[in-house]
Amino acid sequence: MEKTVRRGISANALKLLAMAAMLLDHLWATVVSGNLWMTCVGRLAFPIFAFQIAEGFFRTSDCKKYLRRLLLFALISEIPFNLVMGGSWLFPFHQNVLWTLALGLWAVMALDKARRSGNRRDVAAAVLTVAAALGLSVVGFTDYGLAGVLTVLLFYAARDFRGAWLCRLAGMVLINCVLIQGQTLPALWDFPIQGFAVLALIPIGLYDGRQGRGRKVMKWLGYWFYPVHLAVLGLLWLAG
């Protein structure tokens, strides 16, 4: 009997969803302030990107090249991010989210190497790497910081086993409703706005493993979208 293939959301569709949510959030933070729903929807963006970093680790043919590419675009994105966050070309108190994703990938690479080898040296190196990644996210003031790195690690660890969805749910609630402190919605009994990030598990759960059409185009669109849209919004905000 032929096995039925489950059709859901492709990796490219997830990426487009995350990009749209991110754009809404950054519009709210700059040129379209006052529309709180936009940042609520925007909370879905980071967990989807973190999930795709973990998935990308398992699917890429060259993890080191993947990490180098993230670091390159983190550098490219820094000035546009500074314009949005600090209103100037230099803003050392908050670094863009690609640094956080790169730190998460670095930690995942070390953990996976230790898991595969079981070598004590690799295990020790993995512990030190994870500690360093978490520490750098804090002292470097990267976007989402320690919670962001933990989100990437969560999606790496909670994968392909029975009950993985429950681990993801518990981890996402802990990270976004307890660990991250921020604005709340008084009308919803002081519900944390960051808690809307947990809803990202719905499209993530519908992911069917397909890459989707236009693989190369979507790959580079995903990288360039971040610095370009930040630059445009930053310049518009400064001009206004």
Protein backbone atom coordinates (compact mmCIF):
# COMPACT_ATOMS: atom_id res chain seq x y z
CA MET A 1 0.00 0.00 0.00
CA GLU A 2 1.44 3.36 -1.01
CA LYS A 3 2.29 5.61 1.91
CA THR A 4 0.39 8.90 2.05
CA VAL A 5 2.67 11.94 2.12
CA ARG A 6 1.49 14.60 4.55
CA ARG A 7 1.30 18.01 2.90
CA GLY A 8 1.68 21.03 5.07
CA ILE A 9 3.89 24.11 5.13
CA SER A 10 7.23 24.13 3.32
CA ALA A 11 10.42 25.70 4.67
CA ASN A 12 10.08 28.59 2.21
CA ALA A 13 6.47 29.25 3.27
CA LEU A 14 7.59 29.29 6.91
CA LYS A 15 10.34 31.75 6.01
CA LEU A 16 7.88 34.07 4.24
CA LEU A 17 5.55 33.93 7.24
CA ALA A 18 8.39 34.81 9.60
CA MET A 19 9.55 37.66 7.35
CA ALA A 20 6.02 39.10 7.21
CA ALA A 21 5.68 38.89 11.00
CA MET A 22 9.08 40.54 11.46
CA LEU A 23 8.17 43.35 9.06
CA LEU A 24 4.96 44.05 11.00
CA ASP A 25 6.88 44.16 14.27
CA HIS A 26 9.53 46.52 12.91
CA LEU A 27 6.92 48.74 11.27
CA TRP A 28 5.22 49.04 14.66
CA ALA A 29 8.56 49.91 16.28
CA THR A 30 9.34 52.67 13.76
CA VAL A 31 6.91 54.30 11.34
CA VAL A 32 3.52 52.82 12.30
CA SER A 33 3.51 53.10 16.09
CA GLY A 34 0.38 52.60 18.16
CA ASN A 35 -0.85 49.43 16.45
CA LEU A 36 -0.17 46.95 19.21
CA TRP A 37 -1.53 44.00 17.22
CA MET A 38 1.43 44.34 14.87
CA THR A 39 3.99 43.52 17.54
CA CYS A 40 1.76 40.71 18.85
CA VAL A 41 1.89 39.09 15.40
CA GLY A 42 5.58 39.96 15.23
CA ARG A 43 6.29 37.67 18.19
CA LEU A 44 5.91 34.70 15.84
CA ALA A 45 8.97 35.64 13.79
CA PHE A 46 11.89 34.72 16.03
CA PRO A 47 10.75 31.20 17.01
CA ILE A 48 10.26 30.33 13.33
CA PHE A 49 13.72 31.62 12.45
CA ALA A 50 15.21 29.75 15.43
CA PHE A 51 13.44 26.57 14.30
CA GLN A 52 14.84 27.01 10.80
CA ILE A 53 18.35 27.42 12.18
CA ALA A 54 18.01 24.07 13.96
CA GLU A 55 16.48 22.45 10.86
CA GLY A 56 19.12 24.05 8.65
CA PHE A 57 21.82 22.46 10.79
CA PHE A 58 20.47 18.99 10.00
CA ARG A 59 19.98 19.71 6.31
CA THR A 60 23.05 21.73 5.33
CA SER A 61 26.01 20.02 3.73
CA ASP A 62 28.50 22.41 5.36
CA CYS A 63 27.71 23.69 8.86
CA LYS A 64 30.81 25.84 9.06
CA LYS A 65 29.91 27.61 5.83
CA TYR A 66 26.38 28.07 7.16
CA LEU A 67 27.76 29.68 10.33
CA ARG A 68 30.14 31.94 8.38
CA ARG A 69 27.26 33.12 6.21
CA LEU A 70 25.21 34.02 9.30
CA LEU A 71 28.14 35.95 10.75
CA LEU A 72 28.68 37.81 7.48
CA PHE A 73 25.06 38.97 7.33
CA ALA A 74 25.14 39.82 11.03
CA LEU A 75 27.95 42.26 10.20
CA ILE A 76 26.09 43.63 7.17
CA SER A 77 22.94 44.12 9.27
CA GLU A 78 24.57 45.91 12.19
CA ILE A 79 24.38 49.50 10.89
CA PRO A 80 20.76 49.17 9.65
CA PHE A 81 19.86 47.63 13.01
CA ASN A 82 21.56 50.50 14.84
CA LEU A 83 19.48 53.00 12.86
CA VAL A 84 16.27 51.31 13.95
CA MET A 85 17.22 50.64 17.57
CA GLY A 86 19.28 53.69 18.44
CA GLY A 87 18.58 56.21 15.69
CA SER A 88 22.29 56.44 14.86
CA TRP A 89 24.98 54.59 12.91
CA LEU A 90 26.57 53.33 16.12
CA PHE A 91 24.58 51.78 18.97
CA PRO A 92 26.67 49.38 21.10
CA PHE A 93 23.92 48.53 23.60
CA HIS A 94 21.89 46.17 21.40
CA GLN A 95 23.09 43.87 18.61
CA ASN A 96 21.01 42.38 15.80
CA VAL A 97 19.29 39.01 15.95
CA LEU A 98 21.60 37.30 13.45
CA TRP A 99 24.31 37.30 16.11
CA THR A 100 21.91 35.42 18.39
CA LEU A 101 21.07 32.89 15.70
CA ALA A 102 24.77 32.41 14.91
CA LEU A 103 25.53 31.79 18.60
CA GLY A 104 22.69 29.27 18.71
CA LEU A 105 24.05 27.45 15.66
CA TRP A 106 27.56 27.43 17.13
CA ALA A 107 26.23 25.82 20.32
CA VAL A 108 24.22 23.26 18.35
CA MET A 109 27.27 22.29 16.30
CA ALA A 110 29.28 21.61 19.47
CA LEU A 111 26.45 19.67 21.14
CA ASP A 112 25.87 17.50 18.10
CA LYS A 113 29.54 16.68 17.78
CA ALA A 114 29.61 15.58 21.43
CA ARG A 115 26.42 13.55 21.01
CA ARG A 116 27.81 11.70 18.00
CA SER A 117 31.28 10.99 19.36
CA GLY A 118 30.61 10.52 23.07
CA ASN A 119 34.21 11.59 23.57
CA ARG A 120 34.84 13.26 26.94
CA ARG A 121 36.85 16.01 25.31
CA ASP A 122 33.99 16.76 22.91
CA VAL A 123 31.48 16.72 25.75
CA ALA A 124 33.61 19.16 27.76
CA ALA A 125 34.05 21.36 24.68
CA ALA A 126 30.29 21.32 24.10
CA VAL A 127 29.57 22.42 27.67
CA LEU A 128 32.08 25.25 27.37
CA THR A 129 30.74 26.28 23.94
CA VAL A 130 27.14 26.40 25.14
CA ALA A 131 28.19 28.40 28.20
CA ALA A 132 30.21 30.76 25.98
CA ALA A 133 27.31 31.20 23.53
CA LEU A 134 24.89 32.00 26.34
CA GLY A 135 27.40 34.33 27.99
CA LEU A 136 28.20 36.19 24.76
CA SER A 137 24.50 36.69 24.06
CA VAL A 138 24.19 38.43 27.43
CA VAL A 139 27.35 40.55 27.50
CA GLY A 140 27.01 41.33 23.79
CA PHE A 141 23.41 42.54 24.22
CA THR A 142 22.24 40.48 21.25
CA ASP A 143 18.56 40.62 20.32
CA TYR A 144 16.63 38.05 22.38
CA GLY A 145 19.91 37.32 24.19
CA LEU A 146 20.11 34.21 26.32
CA ALA A 147 16.46 33.35 25.63
CA GLY A 148 17.16 33.43 21.90
CA VAL A 149 20.06 31.00 22.08
CA LEU A 150 17.98 28.71 24.32
CA THR A 151 15.19 28.75 21.73
CA VAL A 152 17.55 27.47 19.02
CA LEU A 153 18.81 24.77 21.41
CA LEU A 154 15.23 23.81 22.25
CA PHE A 155 14.35 23.19 18.61
CA TYR A 156 17.56 21.20 18.14
CA ALA A 157 16.90 18.99 21.18
CA ALA A 158 13.11 18.56 20.82
CA ARG A 159 13.09 16.88 17.44
CA ASP A 160 12.01 13.52 16.01
CA PHE A 161 10.87 11.67 19.12
CA ARG A 162 7.52 10.90 20.67
CA GLY A 163 6.42 13.81 22.82
CA ALA A 164 8.78 16.30 21.14
CA TRP A 165 5.84 18.66 20.57
CA LEU A 166 5.13 18.68 24.32
CA CYS A 167 8.77 19.50 25.09
CA ARG A 168 8.63 22.33 22.56
CA LEU A 169 5.44 23.68 24.11
CA ALA A 170 6.80 23.54 27.66
CA GLY A 171 10.09 25.10 26.58
CA MET A 172 8.43 27.88 24.61
CA VAL A 173 6.10 28.75 27.49
CA LEU A 174 9.01 28.80 29.94
CA ILE A 175 11.21 30.93 27.68
CA ASN A 176 8.59 33.39 26.46
CA CYS A 177 6.22 33.68 29.41
CA VAL A 178 8.66 33.34 32.31
CA LEU A 179 12.23 34.03 31.21
CA ILE A 180 11.50 37.03 28.95
CA GLN A 181 10.01 40.01 30.75
CA GLY A 182 8.29 42.79 28.83
CA GLN A 183 5.01 44.46 27.97
CA THR A 184 1.74 42.88 29.02
CA LEU A 185 -1.87 43.14 27.90
CA PRO A 186 -3.94 44.26 30.93
CA ALA A 187 -7.15 43.25 29.16
CA LEU A 188 -5.90 39.65 29.20
CA TRP A 189 -5.00 39.51 32.89
CA ASP A 190 -1.53 40.94 32.29
CA PHE A 191 -0.75 38.38 29.61
CA PRO A 192 2.83 38.92 28.39
CA ILE A 193 2.95 40.09 24.78
CA GLN A 194 5.99 37.86 24.26
CA GLY A 195 3.69 34.93 25.06
CA PHE A 196 2.22 35.22 21.57
CA ALA A 197 5.50 33.67 20.40
CA VAL A 198 4.18 30.30 21.59
CA LEU A 199 1.64 30.44 18.73
CA ALA A 200 4.56 30.01 16.31
CA LEU A 201 4.40 26.33 17.23
CA ILE A 202 1.26 26.04 15.07
CA PRO A 203 2.90 26.78 11.68
CA ILE A 204 6.07 25.01 12.86
CA GLY A 205 3.97 21.93 13.62
CA LEU A 206 2.53 22.07 10.10
CA TYR A 207 6.02 22.01 8.54
CA ASP A 208 6.23 18.96 6.28
CA GLY A 209 9.96 18.82 5.57
CA ARG A 210 9.76 20.20 2.03
CA GLN A 211 12.04 23.04 0.99
CA GLY A 212 9.50 24.52 -1.43
CA ARG A 213 9.93 26.22 -4.77
CA GLY A 214 12.64 28.71 -5.62
CA ARG A 215 15.19 27.33 -3.19
CA LYS A 216 18.12 29.56 -4.19
CA VAL A 217 16.01 32.69 -4.54
CA MET A 218 14.40 32.17 -1.14
CA LYS A 219 17.73 31.37 0.46
CA TRP A 220 19.25 34.73 -0.50
CA LEU A 221 15.99 36.63 -0.05
CA GLY A 222 15.94 35.40 3.54
CA TYR A 223 19.43 36.74 4.18
CA TRP A 224 19.10 40.09 2.39
CA PHE A 225 15.59 40.86 3.60
CA TYR A 226 16.82 41.50 7.13
CA PRO A 227 19.41 44.25 6.53
CA VAL A 228 17.54 45.83 3.59
CA HIS A 229 14.19 46.24 5.33
CA LEU A 230 15.94 47.53 8.47
CA ALA A 231 17.85 50.10 6.42
CA VAL A 232 14.68 51.32 4.70
CA LEU A 233 12.70 51.56 7.94
CA GLY A 234 15.62 53.20 9.76
CA LEU A 235 16.02 55.88 7.11
CA LEU A 236 12.26 56.51 6.94
CA TRP A 237 12.11 56.81 10.71
CA LEU A 238 15.01 59.26 10.84
CA ALA A 239 13.53 61.29 7.96
CA GLY A 240 10.19 61.51 9.74
